Amino acid sequence: MIRLSFRLIPYSHEHMLLVVRDVTPLARLEQVRRDFVANVSHELRTPLTVLHGYLEMLEPEVMPQLAPILADLRGQSRRMTQIVEDLLTLSRLEAQQQINDAERVSMRALLSTLKREADGLSQGRHHVDIVLGCDNDLRGSTDYLHSAFSNLVSNAVRYTPEGGRIQISWQATTNGGARFGVADTGYGIPAEHLPRITERFYRVSTSRSRESGGTGLGLSIVKHVLQLHQARLEIESELGVGSTFSCVFARERLLAPEVVTEEAP
């Protein structure tokens, strides 16, 4: 199969330049990379599971002097396992061309679930609010969208200092679409990092990311989930003030709210 890239460039009021490039070698190289990452991640899953299982069996009470070491080993084992799981998820998303559009995603129920998850992760250290300004549901994959939205919420909790505020919203846009947003009063992101922040393993602050337990893959997963839903990710951030991550969906993705009819007695 030959892959061609077409680019139409205007260079005068009446003329357009069409540039056609054969990108087949690049497409093949990208496919090799995806296959390699997926295969290596799959092979790493089993030994990591065994290692994590044995670490959980070790009792620190037998040798109290090893307790800090065992705790560190368990934490790193869990982090490596999460990285492998995120890589496998990302590989599946990259290989998938389309999703089942017949599924209704109840946004009211999903926001309630995200609120509970945020409260559980925060453990009372943040103020978490929900703003529901749109009654429409979404057409798409509940599992994929939950994974993407949950990544944004967990990032907000991780990178917001204690006492900060996190707002989860679902609101209509002026063009008939809708926007899922997560706003926080966290550290903020420097402007020079914003263009690359959705790249896999890209970190704004390496030390802060390691302390929070992130894998560096969450925003890449969010980007690919949104692409499957013909949506886009918008990021607004100010250093020291906070960040807002918005998932913007076109009106074609929206479903009218379900009408619940009461059965006659």
Protein backbone atom coordinates (compact mmCIF):
# COMPACT_ATOMS: atom_id res chain seq x y z
CA MET A 1 0.00 0.00 0.00
CA ILE A 2 1.30 3.45 -0.94
CA ARG A 3 0.69 6.41 1.39
CA LEU A 4 0.59 9.87 -0.19
CA SER A 5 0.56 13.24 1.54
CA PHE A 6 -1.28 16.07 -0.23
CA ARG A 7 -0.72 19.73 0.61
CA LEU A 8 -2.46 22.61 -1.14
CA ILE A 9 -0.62 25.93 -0.79
CA PRO A 10 -1.96 29.29 -2.04
CA TYR A 11 0.79 31.45 -3.55
CA SER A 12 -1.22 34.11 -5.36
CA HIS A 13 -4.80 35.36 -5.67
CA GLU A 14 -5.54 32.98 -8.54
CA HIS A 15 -3.06 30.13 -8.19
CA MET A 16 -2.65 27.17 -5.85
CA LEU A 17 0.32 24.86 -5.54
CA LEU A 18 -0.35 21.15 -4.94
CA VAL A 19 2.54 19.29 -3.30
CA VAL A 20 2.35 15.49 -3.25
CA ARG A 21 4.81 13.43 -1.23
CA ASP A 22 5.24 9.69 -0.95
CA VAL A 23 5.25 9.08 2.82
CA THR A 24 5.07 5.28 2.58
CA PRO A 25 8.51 4.73 4.23
CA LEU A 26 7.56 7.02 7.10
CA ALA A 27 4.22 5.24 7.56
CA ARG A 28 5.97 1.86 7.61
CA LEU A 29 8.53 3.12 10.12
CA GLU A 30 5.75 4.44 12.36
CA GLN A 31 3.96 1.07 12.16
CA VAL A 32 7.18 -0.74 13.14
CA ARG A 33 7.54 1.57 16.12
CA ARG A 34 3.95 0.95 17.23
CA ASP A 35 4.33 -2.82 16.87
CA PHE A 36 7.60 -2.76 18.81
CA VAL A 37 6.12 -0.78 21.70
CA ALA A 38 3.04 -3.00 21.84
CA ASN A 39 5.07 -6.25 21.76
CA VAL A 40 7.60 -5.12 24.37
CA SER A 41 4.87 -3.83 26.67
CA HIS A 42 3.00 -7.11 26.39
CA GLU A 43 6.14 -9.14 27.18
CA LEU A 44 6.95 -6.96 30.20
CA ARG A 45 3.52 -7.41 31.76
CA THR A 46 4.05 -11.00 32.98
CA PRO A 47 7.46 -10.59 34.70
CA LEU A 48 6.31 -7.36 36.32
CA THR A 49 3.21 -9.08 37.66
CA VAL A 50 5.34 -11.87 39.15
CA LEU A 51 7.79 -9.39 40.66
CA HIS A 52 5.01 -7.29 42.15
CA GLY A 53 3.36 -10.40 43.58
CA TYR A 54 6.51 -11.55 45.37
CA LEU A 55 7.12 -8.07 46.75
CA GLU A 56 3.62 -8.03 48.22
CA MET A 57 4.34 -11.37 49.95
CA LEU A 58 7.38 -10.03 51.79
CA GLU A 59 6.51 -9.01 55.34
CA PRO A 60 8.40 -5.93 56.57
CA GLU A 61 7.72 -6.94 60.18
CA VAL A 62 10.23 -9.81 59.88
CA MET A 63 13.08 -7.40 59.08
CA PRO A 64 11.97 -3.88 60.09
CA GLN A 65 15.21 -2.38 58.79
CA LEU A 66 14.14 -3.36 55.24
CA ALA A 67 10.68 -1.75 55.49
CA PRO A 68 11.65 1.50 53.69
CA ILE A 69 13.38 -0.45 50.93
CA LEU A 70 10.39 -2.76 50.43
CA ALA A 71 8.02 0.21 50.34
CA ASP A 72 10.16 1.88 47.66
CA LEU A 73 10.38 -1.35 45.63
CA ARG A 74 6.61 -1.82 45.76
CA GLY A 75 6.00 1.77 44.69
CA GLN A 76 8.38 1.48 41.73
CA SER A 77 6.87 -1.89 40.77
CA ARG A 78 3.38 -0.39 40.71
CA ARG A 79 4.64 2.56 38.66
CA MET A 80 6.31 0.28 36.10
CA THR A 81 3.15 -1.81 35.84
CA GLN A 82 1.07 1.33 35.25
CA ILE A 83 3.48 2.49 32.52
CA VAL A 84 3.13 -0.87 30.75
CA GLU A 85 -0.68 -0.74 30.99
CA ASP A 86 -0.74 2.82 29.63
CA LEU A 87 1.57 1.85 26.75
CA LEU A 88 -0.73 -1.05 25.83
CA THR A 89 -3.75 1.26 25.97
CA LEU A 90 -1.98 3.80 23.76
CA SER A 91 -0.99 1.08 21.27
CA ARG A 92 -4.61 -0.09 21.02
CA LEU A 93 -5.79 3.48 20.44
CA GLU A 94 -3.20 4.13 17.73
CA ALA A 95 -4.14 0.94 15.91
CA GLN A 96 -7.88 1.63 16.08
CA GLN A 97 -9.37 3.57 13.17
CA GLN A 98 -12.92 3.98 14.42
CA ILE A 99 -15.20 3.28 17.37
CA ASN A 100 -18.70 2.02 17.89
CA ASP A 101 -20.87 5.10 17.41
CA ALA A 102 -24.06 3.41 18.58
CA GLU A 103 -23.22 3.76 22.29
CA ARG A 104 -24.80 6.54 24.37
CA VAL A 105 -22.47 8.09 26.93
CA SER A 106 -24.49 9.51 29.83
CA MET A 107 -22.57 12.65 30.75
CA ARG A 108 -24.49 13.26 33.97
CA ALA A 109 -23.58 9.79 35.24
CA LEU A 110 -20.00 10.10 33.99
CA LEU A 111 -19.46 13.42 35.77
CA SER A 112 -20.77 11.90 39.01
CA THR A 113 -18.30 9.03 38.64
CA LEU A 114 -15.42 11.44 37.98
CA LYS A 115 -16.39 13.47 41.05
CA ARG A 116 -16.23 10.35 43.25
CA GLU A 117 -12.86 9.39 41.76
CA ALA A 118 -11.48 12.89 42.33
CA ASP A 119 -12.68 12.91 45.94
CA GLY A 120 -11.11 9.50 46.53
CA LEU A 121 -7.79 10.57 45.06
CA SER A 122 -7.82 13.93 46.84
CA GLN A 123 -8.71 12.51 50.27
CA GLY A 124 -10.24 15.83 51.28
CA ARG A 125 -7.20 17.92 50.33
CA HIS A 126 -9.01 19.82 47.53
CA HIS A 127 -12.38 21.40 46.81
CA VAL A 128 -13.93 19.50 43.88
CA ASP A 129 -16.99 20.99 42.14
CA ILE A 130 -19.17 19.95 39.19
CA VAL A 131 -20.74 22.41 36.74
CA LEU A 132 -23.42 20.83 34.53
CA GLY A 133 -24.47 23.40 31.95
CA CYS A 134 -25.45 21.03 29.15
CA ASP A 135 -28.13 18.32 29.14
CA ASN A 136 -26.87 16.51 26.05
CA ASP A 137 -25.17 13.13 26.12
CA LEU A 138 -22.37 11.99 23.82
CA ARG A 139 -22.22 9.40 21.06
CA GLY A 140 -19.08 7.32 21.46
CA SER A 141 -17.24 4.88 23.71
CA THR A 142 -17.99 5.15 27.43
CA ASP A 143 -14.82 3.25 28.38
CA TYR A 144 -12.51 5.36 26.22
CA LEU A 145 -14.07 8.67 27.22
CA HIS A 146 -14.02 7.71 30.89
CA SER A 147 -10.33 6.85 30.56
CA ALA A 148 -9.56 10.21 28.89
CA PHE A 149 -11.60 12.34 31.29
CA SER A 150 -10.28 10.43 34.30
CA ASN A 151 -6.71 11.17 33.18
CA LEU A 152 -7.45 14.90 33.13
CA VAL A 153 -9.12 14.80 36.55
CA SER A 154 -6.34 12.77 38.18
CA ASN A 155 -3.72 15.14 36.71
CA ALA A 156 -5.58 18.10 38.21
CA VAL A 157 -5.58 16.45 41.64
CA ARG A 158 -1.91 15.47 41.43
CA TYR A 159 -0.64 18.87 40.34
CA THR A 160 -2.82 21.07 42.55
CA PRO A 161 -1.49 21.95 46.01
CA GLU A 162 -3.53 21.15 49.10
CA GLY A 163 -6.44 23.53 49.56
CA GLY A 164 -6.77 24.19 45.83
CA ARG A 165 -9.94 24.03 43.77
CA ILE A 166 -10.81 21.68 40.91
CA GLN A 167 -13.84 22.20 38.69
CA ILE A 168 -15.25 19.50 36.39
CA SER A 169 -17.67 20.90 33.83
CA TRP A 170 -19.87 19.92 30.88
CA GLN A 171 -21.15 22.95 29.01
CA ALA A 172 -22.59 23.92 25.65
CA THR A 173 -20.50 25.89 23.15
CA THR A 174 -21.67 28.77 21.00
CA ASN A 175 -21.52 26.74 17.76
CA GLY A 176 -23.89 24.02 18.97
CA GLY A 177 -21.26 21.63 20.31
CA ALA A 178 -20.24 20.91 23.88
CA ARG A 179 -17.13 21.14 26.02
CA PHE A 180 -15.90 18.89 28.84
CA GLY A 181 -13.50 20.84 31.01
CA VAL A 182 -11.23 20.31 34.00
CA ALA A 183 -9.98 23.52 35.62
CA ASP A 184 -7.59 23.67 38.56
CA THR A 185 -5.71 26.19 40.66
CA GLY A 186 -2.47 24.23 40.44
CA TYR A 187 1.09 25.04 39.50
CA GLY A 188 0.34 25.94 35.91
CA ILE A 189 2.35 25.12 32.79
CA PRO A 190 4.92 27.43 31.15
CA ALA A 191 3.82 28.53 27.67
CA GLU A 192 6.85 27.00 25.93
CA HIS A 193 5.80 23.51 27.05
CA LEU A 194 2.19 23.64 25.81
CA PRO A 195 2.85 22.64 22.15
CA ARG A 196 4.57 19.39 23.22
CA ILE A 197 2.63 18.46 26.32
CA THR A 198 0.59 15.71 24.61
CA GLU A 199 3.71 13.86 23.42
CA ARG A 200 4.29 10.50 25.09
CA PHE A 201 6.64 10.69 28.10
CA TYR A 202 7.00 14.46 27.74
CA ARG A 203 7.29 16.06 31.19
CA VAL A 204 7.14 19.69 32.21
CA SER A 205 8.87 18.92 35.52
CA THR A 206 10.56 15.54 35.87
CA SER A 207 10.94 15.67 39.63
CA ARG A 208 7.34 16.76 40.24
CA SER A 209 6.00 14.08 37.87
CA ARG A 210 7.91 11.35 39.67
CA GLU A 211 6.68 12.55 43.04
CA SER A 212 3.07 12.51 41.83
CA GLY A 213 3.35 9.02 40.33
CA GLY A 214 2.44 9.98 36.75
CA THR A 215 3.55 7.92 33.76
CA GLY A 216 3.85 10.72 31.19
CA LEU A 217 1.35 8.98 28.90
CA GLY A 218 -1.98 10.30 30.14
CA LEU A 219 -2.30 13.27 27.79
CA SER A 220 -1.23 11.15 24.82
CA ILE A 221 -4.09 8.78 25.64
CA VAL A 222 -6.47 11.73 25.93
CA LYS A 223 -5.39 13.07 22.52
CA HIS A 224 -5.91 9.74 20.75
CA VAL A 225 -9.30 9.13 22.42
CA LEU A 226 -10.48 12.55 21.27
CA GLN A 227 -9.23 11.94 17.73
CA LEU A 228 -11.36 8.79 17.59
CA HIS A 229 -14.35 10.96 18.56
CA GLN A 230 -13.48 13.75 16.06
CA ALA A 231 -12.90 16.07 19.01
CA ARG A 232 -9.96 18.26 20.03
CA LEU A 233 -8.06 19.12 23.20
CA GLU A 234 -7.63 22.77 24.17
CA ILE A 235 -5.22 23.80 26.93
CA GLU A 236 -5.08 27.12 28.75
CA SER A 237 -2.57 27.60 31.53
CA GLU A 238 -0.88 30.35 33.50
CA LEU A 239 2.15 29.66 35.64
CA GLY A 240 1.30 29.89 39.33
CA VAL A 241 -2.42 30.39 38.62
CA GLY A 242 -3.72 27.11 37.22
CA SER A 243 -4.72 25.22 34.09
CA THR A 244 -7.87 24.38 32.13
CA PHE A 245 -8.04 21.32 29.88
CA SER A 246 -11.04 21.25 27.56
CA CYS A 247 -12.32 18.45 25.33
CA VAL A 248 -14.39 20.08 22.59
CA PHE A 249 -17.00 17.98 20.74
CA ALA A 250 -18.88 18.93 17.58
CA ARG A 251 -22.68 19.02 17.51
CA GLU A 252 -22.71 15.81 15.44
CA ARG A 253 -21.42 13.96 18.52
CA LEU A 254 -24.21 15.18 20.80
CA LEU A 255 -27.35 13.25 21.67
CA ALA A 256 -30.54 14.73 23.06
CA PRO A 257 -31.15 13.79 26.70
CA GLU A 258 -33.14 10.62 27.22
CA VAL A 259 -36.77 11.10 28.15
CA VAL A 260 -37.66 8.97 31.15
CA THR A 261 -41.31 7.92 31.10
CA GLU A 262 -43.00 6.74 34.23
CA GLU A 263 -44.95 3.52 33.95
CA ALA A 264 -48.61 3.65 34.82
CA PRO A 265 -49.49 1.99 38.15
